[in-house]
C-alpha atoms as a PDB file:
ATOM      1  CA  MET A   1     105.645  84.624 140.686  1.00  0.00           C
ATOM      2  CA  PHE A   2     106.880  82.247 138.184  1.00  0.00           C
ATOM      3  CA  ILE A   3     103.362  80.900 137.662  1.00  0.00           C
ATOM      4  CA  ILE A   4     101.935  84.749 137.313  1.00  0.00           C
ATOM      5  CA  SER A   5     104.772  85.442 134.959  1.00  0.00           C
ATOM      6  CA  LYS A   6     104.087  82.340 132.669  1.00  0.00           C
ATOM      7  CA  GLY A   7     100.220  83.199 132.678  1.00  0.00           C
ATOM      8  CA  VAL A   8     100.832  86.598 131.419  1.00  0.00           C
ATOM      9  CA  ILE A   9     103.016  85.445 128.682  1.00  0.00           C
ATOM     10  CA  LEU A  10     100.530  82.715 127.724  1.00  0.00           C
ATOM     11  CA  LEU A  11      97.651  85.539 127.508  1.00  0.00           C
ATOM     12  CA  THR A  12     100.004  87.479 125.551  1.00  0.00           C
ATOM     13  CA  ILE A  13     100.461  84.491 122.904  1.00  0.00           C
ATOM     14  CA  ILE A  14      96.777  84.158 122.532  1.00  0.00           C
ATOM     15  CA  ILE A  15      96.198  87.882 121.823  1.00  0.00           C
ATOM     16  CA  GLN A  16      99.512  88.183 119.401  1.00  0.00           C
ATOM     17  CA  PHE A  17      98.328  84.898 117.720  1.00  0.00           C
ATOM     18  CA  THR A  18      94.821  86.441 117.089  1.00  0.00           C
ATOM     19  CA  ALA A  19      96.474  89.752 116.151  1.00  0.00           C
ATOM     20  CA  THR A  20      98.703  87.639 113.720  1.00  0.00           C
ATOM     21  CA  VAL A  21      95.516  85.790 112.076  1.00  0.00           C
ATOM     22  CA  LEU A  22      93.395  89.157 111.613  1.00  0.00           C
ATOM     23  CA  LEU A  23      96.251  90.722 109.539  1.00  0.00           C
ATOM     24  CA  VAL A  24      96.763  87.507 107.537  1.00  0.00           C
ATOM     25  CA  PHE A  25      93.187  87.305 106.677  1.00  0.00           C
ATOM     26  CA  LEU A  26      93.229  91.323 105.851  1.00  0.00           C
ATOM     27  CA  LEU A  27      95.996  90.686 103.537  1.00  0.00           C
ATOM     28  CA  LEU A  28      94.237  87.926 101.843  1.00  0.00           C
ATOM     29  CA  GLY A  29      91.068  89.721 101.407  1.00  0.00           C
ATOM     30  CA  CYS A  30      89.326  89.158  97.955  1.00  0.00           C
ATOM     31  CA  VAL A  31      91.751  86.305  96.868  1.00  0.00           C
ATOM     32  CA  ASP A  32      88.816  83.919  96.799  1.00  0.00           C
ATOM     33  CA  THR A  33      85.165  84.095  96.171  1.00  0.00           C
ATOM     34  CA  SER A  34      84.047  82.388  99.485  1.00  0.00           C
ATOM     35  CA  SER A  35      82.732  84.817 101.917  1.00  0.00           C
ATOM     36  CA  SER A  36      85.468  84.287 104.187  1.00  0.00           C
ATOM     37  CA  TYR A  37      87.746  86.193 101.897  1.00  0.00           C
ATOM     38  CA  SER A  38      85.410  88.041  99.284  1.00  0.00           C
ATOM     39  CA  ASN A  39      83.641  89.873 102.288  1.00  0.00           C
ATOM     40  CA  VAL A  40      87.245  91.365 103.386  1.00  0.00           C
ATOM     41  CA  TYR A  41      87.779  94.371 101.292  1.00  0.00           C
ATOM     42  CA  LEU A  42      88.800  97.897 101.819  1.00  0.00           C
ATOM     43  CA  PHE A  43      86.381  99.654  99.573  1.00  0.00           C
ATOM     44  CA  ASN A  44      83.632  98.362  96.863  1.00  0.00           C
ATOM     45  CA  TYR A  45      82.740 100.200  93.691  1.00  0.00           C
ATOM     46  CA  LYS A  46      79.535  99.987  92.227  1.00  0.00           C
ATOM     47  CA  PHE A  47      76.936 101.986  89.812  1.00  0.00           C
ATOM     48  CA  ASN A  48      74.679 104.220  91.680  1.00  0.00           C
ATOM     49  CA  SER A  49      71.121 103.332  90.905  1.00  0.00           C
ATOM     50  CA  SER A  50      69.687 106.267  92.666  1.00  0.00           C
ATOM     51  CA  SER A  51      71.776 108.877  90.677  1.00  0.00           C
ATOM     52  CA  LEU A  52      69.676 110.834  88.297  1.00  0.00           C
ATOM     53  CA  LEU A  53      72.086 109.984  85.526  1.00  0.00           C
ATOM     54  CA  TYR A  54      71.707 106.130  85.822  1.00  0.00           C
ATOM     55  CA  GLN A  55      69.235 105.993  83.192  1.00  0.00           C
ATOM     56  CA  HIS A  56      71.318 107.207  80.621  1.00  0.00           C
ATOM     57  CA  LEU A  57      74.130 104.746  81.569  1.00  0.00           C
ATOM     58  CA  THR A  58      74.834 101.926  78.883  1.00  0.00           C
ATOM     59  CA  LEU A  59      77.178  98.843  79.196  1.00  0.00           C
ATOM     60  CA  ASP A  60      79.445  98.778  76.156  1.00  0.00           C
ATOM     61  CA  LEU A  61      79.534  95.511  74.342  1.00  0.00           C
ATOM     62  CA  ASN A  62      83.213  95.599  73.857  1.00  0.00           C
ATOM     63  CA  SER A  63      83.913  96.008  77.482  1.00  0.00           C
ATOM     64  CA  THR A  64      84.425  92.307  78.139  1.00  0.00           C
ATOM     65  CA  ASN A  65      87.261  90.220  77.406  1.00  0.00           C
ATOM     66  CA  SER A  66      86.567  86.997  78.955  1.00  0.00           C
ATOM     67  CA  THR A  67      84.550  83.854  77.844  1.00  0.00           C
ATOM     68  CA  THR A  68      81.264  83.956  76.150  1.00  0.00           C
ATOM     69  CA  SER A  69      79.368  82.516  78.965  1.00  0.00           C
ATOM     70  CA  THR A  70      80.809  85.113  81.161  1.00  0.00           C
ATOM     71  CA  THR A  71      80.232  87.774  78.839  1.00  0.00           C
ATOM     72  CA  THR A  72      76.674  87.075  78.506  1.00  0.00           C
ATOM     73  CA  SER A  73      76.211  86.985  82.229  1.00  0.00           C
ATOM     74  CA  ILE A  74      77.429  90.367  82.417  1.00  0.00           C
ATOM     75  CA  LEU A  75      75.703  91.960  79.630  1.00  0.00           C
ATOM     76  CA  GLY A  76      72.551  90.607  81.012  1.00  0.00           C
ATOM     77  CA  ALA A  77      72.935  91.705  84.439  1.00  0.00           C
ATOM     78  CA  ASP A  78      71.331  94.754  86.168  1.00  0.00           C
ATOM     79  CA  LEU A  79      73.883  97.603  86.256  1.00  0.00           C
ATOM     80  CA  SER A  80      73.201  98.166  90.060  1.00  0.00           C
ATOM     81  CA  THR A  81      74.444  94.418  90.780  1.00  0.00           C
ATOM     82  CA  ILE A  82      77.862  95.012  89.208  1.00  0.00           C
ATOM     83  CA  SER A  83      80.598  95.578  91.854  1.00  0.00           C
ATOM     84  CA  VAL A  84      84.298  95.705  92.184  1.00  0.00           C
ATOM     85  CA  LYS A  85      85.637  94.967  95.574  1.00  0.00           C
ATOM     86  CA  VAL A  86      89.132  95.886  96.285  1.00  0.00           C
ATOM     87  CA  GLY A  87      91.564  94.073  98.706  1.00  0.00           C
ATOM     88  CA  TYR A  88      94.900  94.523  99.387  1.00  0.00           C
ATOM     89  CA  LEU A  89      96.110  91.850  96.897  1.00  0.00           C
ATOM     90  CA  ALA A  90      93.394  90.945  94.931  1.00  0.00           C
ATOM     91  CA  PHE A  91      89.803  92.171  93.191  1.00  0.00           C
ATOM     92  CA  CYS A  92      86.618  90.644  93.336  1.00  0.00           C
ATOM     93  CA  ILE A  93      84.256  91.474  90.617  1.00  0.00           C
ATOM     94  CA  SER A  94      80.317  90.577  90.894  1.00  0.00           C
ATOM     95  CA  SER A  95      77.051  90.565  89.082  1.00  0.00           C
ATOM     96  CA  GLU A  96      73.578  88.730  89.144  1.00  0.00           C
ATOM     97  CA  GLU A  97      75.435  85.602  87.778  1.00  0.00           C
ATOM     98  CA  LEU A  98      79.086  85.981  88.158  1.00  0.00           C
ATOM     99  CA  GLU A  99      81.383  86.282  90.922  1.00  0.00           C
ATOM    100  CA  GLN A 100      85.054  86.158  90.410  1.00  0.00           C
ATOM    101  CA  CYS A 101      88.305  87.050  92.283  1.00  0.00           C
ATOM    102  CA  ILE A 102      91.919  87.740  90.741  1.00  0.00           C
ATOM    103  CA  SER A 103      95.000  88.976  91.742  1.00  0.00           C
ATOM    104  CA  ASN A 104      96.181  92.524  90.679  1.00  0.00           C
ATOM    105  CA  ALA A 105      99.006  90.778  88.534  1.00  0.00           C
ATOM    106  CA  ASN A 106      96.181  88.876  86.596  1.00  0.00           C
ATOM    107  CA  LEU A 107      93.679  91.708  85.830  1.00  0.00           C
ATOM    108  CA  ALA A 108      94.055  90.994  82.062  1.00  0.00           C
ATOM    109  CA  ASN A 109      91.820  87.980  82.566  1.00  0.00           C
ATOM    110  CA  ILE A 110      88.944  89.387  84.274  1.00  0.00           C
ATOM    111  CA  PRO A 111      85.983  91.155  82.341  1.00  0.00           C
ATOM    112  CA  GLN A 112      86.078  94.904  82.027  1.00  0.00           C
ATOM    113  CA  MET A 113      83.385  97.158  83.677  1.00  0.00           C
ATOM    114  CA  SER A 114      82.690  99.709  81.196  1.00  0.00           C
ATOM    115  CA  VAL A 115      79.948 102.038  80.606  1.00  0.00           C
ATOM    116  CA  THR A 116      79.050 105.043  78.295  1.00  0.00           C
ATOM    117  CA  PHE A 117      77.603 108.277  79.645  1.00  0.00           C
ATOM    118  CA  LEU A 118      77.307 111.121  77.104  1.00  0.00           C
ATOM    119  CA  GLU A 119      80.400 109.400  75.115  1.00  0.00           C
ATOM    120  CA  THR A 120      82.448 109.354  78.421  1.00  0.00           C
ATOM    121  CA  LYS A 121      83.772 106.069  79.338  1.00  0.00           C
ATOM    122  CA  PHE A 122      83.618 104.904  82.955  1.00  0.00           C
ATOM    123  CA  ASP A 123      85.702 101.664  83.492  1.00  0.00           C
ATOM    124  CA  LEU A 124      84.860 100.216  87.052  1.00  0.00           C
ATOM    125  CA  LEU A 125      87.873  97.951  86.916  1.00  0.00           C
ATOM    126  CA  ASN A 126      89.942 100.382  85.667  1.00  0.00           C
ATOM    127  CA  ILE A 127      89.152 102.865  88.407  1.00  0.00           C
ATOM    128  CA  ALA A 128      89.472 100.427  91.128  1.00  0.00           C
ATOM    129  CA  GLN A 129      92.904  99.417  89.807  1.00  0.00           C
ATOM    130  CA  THR A 130      94.105 103.161  89.735  1.00  0.00           C
ATOM    131  CA  PHE A 131      93.078 103.903  93.074  1.00  0.00           C
ATOM    132  CA  HIS A 132      94.681 100.516  94.372  1.00  0.00           C
ATOM    133  CA  ASN A 133      97.908 101.293  92.828  1.00  0.00           C
ATOM    134  CA  SER A 134      97.969 104.725  94.273  1.00  0.00           C
ATOM    135  CA  ILE A 135      96.386 104.383  97.790  1.00  0.00           C
ATOM    136  CA  VAL A 136      96.824 100.960  99.153  1.00  0.00           C
ATOM    137  CA  HIS A 137      99.854 100.149 101.024  1.00  0.00           C
ATOM    138  CA  SER A 138     100.488  96.352 101.183  1.00  0.00           C
ATOM    139  CA  HIS A 139     103.965  96.520 101.894  1.00  0.00           C
ATOM    140  CA  LEU A 140     103.357  98.214 105.257  1.00  0.00           C
ATOM    141  CA  LEU A 141     100.864  95.188 106.094  1.00  0.00           C
ATOM    142  CA  MET A 142     103.249  92.463 104.828  1.00  0.00           C
ATOM    143  CA  ALA A 143     105.956  94.085 107.064  1.00  0.00           C
ATOM    144  CA  SER A 144     103.881  94.163 110.081  1.00  0.00           C
ATOM    145  CA  ILE A 145     102.793  90.482 109.660  1.00  0.00           C
ATOM    146  CA  ILE A 146     106.519  89.512 109.395  1.00  0.00           C
ATOM    147  CA  LEU A 147     107.210  91.398 112.798  1.00  0.00           C
ATOM    148  CA  THR A 148     103.965  89.902 114.260  1.00  0.00           C
ATOM    149  CA  LEU A 149     105.301  86.208 113.458  1.00  0.00           C
ATOM    150  CA  THR A 150     108.554  87.333 114.804  1.00  0.00           C
ATOM    151  CA  ILE A 151     107.173  88.460 118.053  1.00  0.00           C
ATOM    152  CA  LEU A 152     105.061  85.331 118.113  1.00  0.00           C
ATOM    153  CA  VAL A 153     107.915  83.070 118.109  1.00  0.00           C
ATOM    154  CA  ILE A 154     109.884  85.059 120.945  1.00  0.00           C
ATOM    155  CA  LEU A 155     106.831  84.823 123.195  1.00  0.00           C
ATOM    156  CA  CYS A 156     106.539  81.235 122.625  1.00  0.00           C
ATOM    157  CA  TYR A 157     110.307  80.728 123.757  1.00  0.00           C
ATOM    158  CA  LEU A 158     109.746  82.597 126.608  1.00  0.00           C
ATOM    159  CA  ILE A 159     107.111  80.653 128.053  1.00  0.00           C
ATOM    160  CA  LEU A 160     109.434  77.560 127.791  1.00  0.00           C
ATOM    161  CA  PRO A 161     110.273  76.162 131.456  1.00  0.00           C
ATOM    162  CA  VAL A 162     113.937  77.164 130.779  1.00  0.00           C
ATOM    163  CA  SER A 163     114.619  79.984 128.471  1.00  0.00           C
ATOM    164  CA  PHE A 164     118.245  80.951 128.380  1.00  0.00           C
ATOM    165  CA  GLY A 165     119.207  84.792 127.991  1.00  0.00           C
ATOM    166  CA  ALA A 166     115.250  85.715 128.738  1.00  0.00           C
ATOM    167  CA  VAL A 167     116.055  88.950 129.893  1.00  0.00           C
ATOM    168  CA  VAL A 168     117.737  89.880 126.616  1.00  0.00           C
ATOM    169  CA  VAL A 169     114.977  88.223 124.679  1.00  0.00           C
ATOM    170  CA  LYS A 170     112.487  90.422 126.549  1.00  0.00           C
ATOM    171  CA  LYS A 171     114.280  93.688 125.690  1.00  0.00           C
ATOM    172  CA  ILE A 172     114.293  92.651 121.733  1.00  0.00           C
ATOM    173  CA  GLY A 173     110.639  91.933 122.132  1.00  0.00           C
ATOM    174  CA  LEU A 174     109.912  95.126 123.651  1.00  0.00           C
ATOM    175  CA  VAL A 175     111.926  96.847 120.589  1.00  0.00           C
ATOM    176  CA  LEU A 176     110.251  94.565 118.079  1.00  0.00           C
ATOM    177  CA  THR A 177     106.769  95.192 119.371  1.00  0.00           C
ATOM    178  CA  PHE A 178     107.297  98.937 119.570  1.00  0.00           C
ATOM    179  CA  ILE A 179     108.160  99.183 115.740  1.00  0.00           C
ATOM    180  CA  ASN A 180     105.310  96.971 115.012  1.00  0.00           C
ATOM    181  CA  MET A 181     102.769  99.090 116.758  1.00  0.00           C
ATOM    182  CA  ILE A 182     104.301 102.315 115.371  1.00  0.00           C
ATOM    183  CA  LEU A 183     104.276 100.497 111.866  1.00  0.00           C
ATOM    184  CA  TRP A 184     100.869  99.155 111.959  1.00  0.00           C
ATOM    185  CA  GLY A 185      99.549 102.210 113.345  1.00  0.00           C
ATOM    186  CA  LEU A 186     100.692 104.133 110.434  1.00  0.00           C
ATOM    187  CA  GLY A 187      99.365 101.551 107.943  1.00  0.00           C
ATOM    188  CA  SER A 188      95.897 101.619 109.926  1.00  0.00           C
ATOM    189  CA  MET A 189      95.966 105.408 109.584  1.00  0.00           C
ATOM    190  CA  LEU A 190      96.777 105.371 105.930  1.00  0.00           C
ATOM    191  CA  GLN A 191      94.204 102.672 105.105  1.00  0.00           C
ATOM    192  CA  HIS A 192      91.479 104.667 106.938  1.00  0.00           C
ATOM    193  CA  GLN A 193      92.315 107.828 105.148  1.00  0.00           C
ATOM    194  CA  SER A 194      92.719 106.091 101.750  1.00  0.00           C
ATOM    195  CA  VAL A 195      89.109 104.777 102.306  1.00  0.00           C
ATOM    196  CA  ASN A 196      87.916 108.321 103.123  1.00  0.00           C
ATOM    197  CA  ALA A 197      89.816 109.793 100.156  1.00  0.00           C
ATOM    198  CA  THR A 198      88.234 107.666  97.473  1.00  0.00           C
ATOM    199  CA  THR A 199      84.655 107.575  98.782  1.00  0.00           C
ATOM    200  CA  LYS A 200      84.579 111.470  98.783  1.00  0.00           C
ATOM    201  CA  LEU A 201      86.455 112.043  95.588  1.00  0.00           C
ATOM    202  CA  MET A 202      84.752 109.005  93.211  1.00  0.00           C
ATOM    203  CA  SER A 203      81.056 110.695  94.220  1.00  0.00           C
ATOM    204  CA  GLY A 204      82.265 113.933  92.946  1.00  0.00           C
ATOM    205  CA  VAL A 205      84.519 113.367  89.887  1.00  0.00           C
ATOM    206  CA  SER A 206      82.052 110.712  88.412  1.00  0.00           C
ATOM    207  CA  PHE A 207      78.674 112.662  88.947  1.00  0.00           C
ATOM    208  CA  GLU A 208      77.370 110.506  91.517  1.00  0.00           C
ATOM    209  CA  ILE A 209      77.501 107.700  88.790  1.00  0.00           C
ATOM    210  CA  VAL A 210      79.963 105.501  90.758  1.00  0.00           C
ATOM    211  CA  GLU A 211      79.495 105.107  94.438  1.00  0.00           C
ATOM    212  CA  VAL A 212      82.048 103.668  96.945  1.00  0.00           C
ATOM    213  CA  GLY A 213      81.051 101.497  99.779  1.00  0.00           C
ATOM    214  CA  ARG A 214      83.415 100.993 102.945  1.00  0.00           C
ATOM    215  CA  GLY A 215      84.682  97.443 103.663  1.00  0.00           C
ATOM    216  CA  GLN A 216      83.371  97.497 107.523  1.00  0.00           C
ATOM    217  CA  ARG A 217      84.765  94.037 108.186  1.00  0.00           C
ATOM    218  CA  ALA A 218      88.395  94.984 106.976  1.00  0.00           C
ATOM    219  CA  GLU A 219      87.989  98.077 109.020  1.00  0.00           C
ATOM    220  CA  THR A 220      87.200  96.370 112.133  1.00  0.00           C
ATOM    221  CA  MET A 221      89.944  93.789 111.724  1.00  0.00           C
ATOM    222  CA  THR A 222      92.450  96.640 111.188  1.00  0.00           C
ATOM    223  CA  TRP A 223      91.647  98.310 114.438  1.00  0.00           C
ATOM    224  CA  VAL A 224      91.082  95.359 116.500  1.00  0.00           C
ATOM    225  CA  ALA A 225      94.642  94.057 115.258  1.00  0.00           C
ATOM    226  CA  PHE A 226      96.295  97.437 116.093  1.00  0.00           C
ATOM    227  CA  SER A 227      94.658  97.251 119.513  1.00  0.00           C
ATOM    228  CA  PHE A 228      96.098  93.904 120.419  1.00  0.00           C
ATOM    229  CA  LEU A 229      99.475  95.028 119.229  1.00  0.00           C
ATOM    230  CA  ILE A 230      99.255  97.592 121.685  1.00  0.00           C
ATOM    231  CA  VAL A 231      98.364  95.170 124.468  1.00  0.00           C
ATOM    232  CA  VAL A 232     101.220  93.184 123.478  1.00  0.00           C
ATOM    233  CA  PHE A 233     103.456  96.104 123.740  1.00  0.00           C
ATOM    234  CA  LEU A 234     102.447  97.069 127.011  1.00  0.00           C
ATOM    235  CA  SER A 235     102.691  93.196 128.389  1.00  0.00           C
ATOM    236  CA  PHE A 236     106.383  93.419 127.152  1.00  0.00           C
ATOM    237  CA  VAL A 237     106.762  96.720 129.137  1.00  0.00           C
ATOM    238  CA  MET A 238     105.543  95.038 131.924  1.00  0.00           C
ATOM    239  CA  MET A 239     107.756  91.811 131.700  1.00  0.00           C
ATOM    240  CA  ASN A 240     110.747  94.160 131.254  1.00  0.00           C
ATOM    241  CA  TYR A 241     109.870  96.229 134.230  1.00  0.00           C
ATOM    242  CA  VAL A 242     109.407  93.020 136.320  1.00  0.00           C
ATOM    243  CA  ALA A 243     112.739  91.598 135.209  1.00  0.00           C
ATOM    244  CA  MET A 244     114.780  94.853 135.901  1.00  0.00           C
ATOM    245  CA  LYS A 245     113.111  95.039 139.415  1.00  0.00           C
ATOM    246  CA  SER A 246     113.969  91.350 140.160  1.00  0.00           C
ATOM    247  CA  LEU A 247     117.559  92.251 138.986  1.00  0.00           C
ATOM    248  CA  LYS A 248     117.705  95.261 141.374  1.00  0.00           C
ATOM    249  CA  LYS A 249     116.449  93.001 143.824  1.00  0.00           C
ATOM    250  CA  LYS A 250     119.417  90.582 143.654  1.00  0.00           C
ATOM    251  CA  GLY A 251     122.013  93.173 143.084  1.00  0.00           C
ATOM    252  CA  GLY A 252     120.683  95.097 146.274  1.00  0.00           C
ATOM    253  CA  GLY A 253     120.686  91.636 148.207  1.00  0.00           C
ATOM    254  CA  GLY A 254     124.314  91.264 147.451  1.00  0.00           C
ATOM    255  CA  GLU A 255     125.424  94.432 148.328  1.00  0.00           C
ATOM    256  CA  GLU A 256     123.714  94.236 151.738  1.00  0.00           C
ATOM    257  CA  LYS A 257     125.296  90.825 152.605  1.00  0.00           C
ATOM    258  CA  LYS A 258     128.663  92.301 151.699  1.00  0.00           C
ATOM    259  CA  GLY A 259     127.868  95.016 154.193  1.00  0.00           C
ATOM    260  CA  VAL A 260     127.158  92.561 156.886  1.00  0.00           C
ATOM    261  CA  ILE A 261     130.229  90.567 156.267  1.00  0.00           C
ATOM    262  CA  MET A 262     132.373  93.941 156.379  1.00  0.00           C
ATOM    263  CA  GLU A 263     130.689  94.866 159.784  1.00  0.00           C
ATOM    264  CA  LYS A 264     131.503  91.407 161.340  1.00  0.00           C
ATOM    265  CA  VAL A 265     135.328  91.595 160.056  1.00  0.00           C
END
């Protein structure tokens, strides 16, 4: 029974560690130009080359505020290759010859993506930042990561050969896993609805000039991590159930022994 119990805890540690890694990578999406980070994004804004109005778009000459080399590479690029990927903490902007990722706090240092259509300006980066500030809830993800790490520490403590107060620690772990499951469940649903909202809204308000792509990798990581958190919660439910059953057995055994002694007397 001891070996089975420790085996379950070890498996739970592996699942919890995997969930932690997934959530951390999700938070760090778009912080770097390497594919491991730049391909983890919530949504991707780009100009729709299949739009009937696409041929009327012109990139503003004053829409960039970076170095000369960066400006030249953007102005010489096909508009259909320009995109802005939005992560929880950062943005990645790319064209044929440029790829740059920067945090939300330093957007002044990144080239602007402004086009003119019938005297109306569409600033791709400004649109992305507006939607990011309105619908992206990074604090929920950060809180979930902190809880996930705390639960991981609890699991590592429980797998020790001798863990004092294991029953109390398991109860604490049960409460924390339940809170974490509800918290990231809410975060996952908000993320999913946010992506749906910006996808449907931008197509209409921009006359289909701007299209929005979903971040499939981020979506997969979100729901896999949430599924793992559910498994960890159920594991703590089982551990607490076994602990309570074991305590009842010990208590029942003690009462039976007292009864036998009283009969003999």
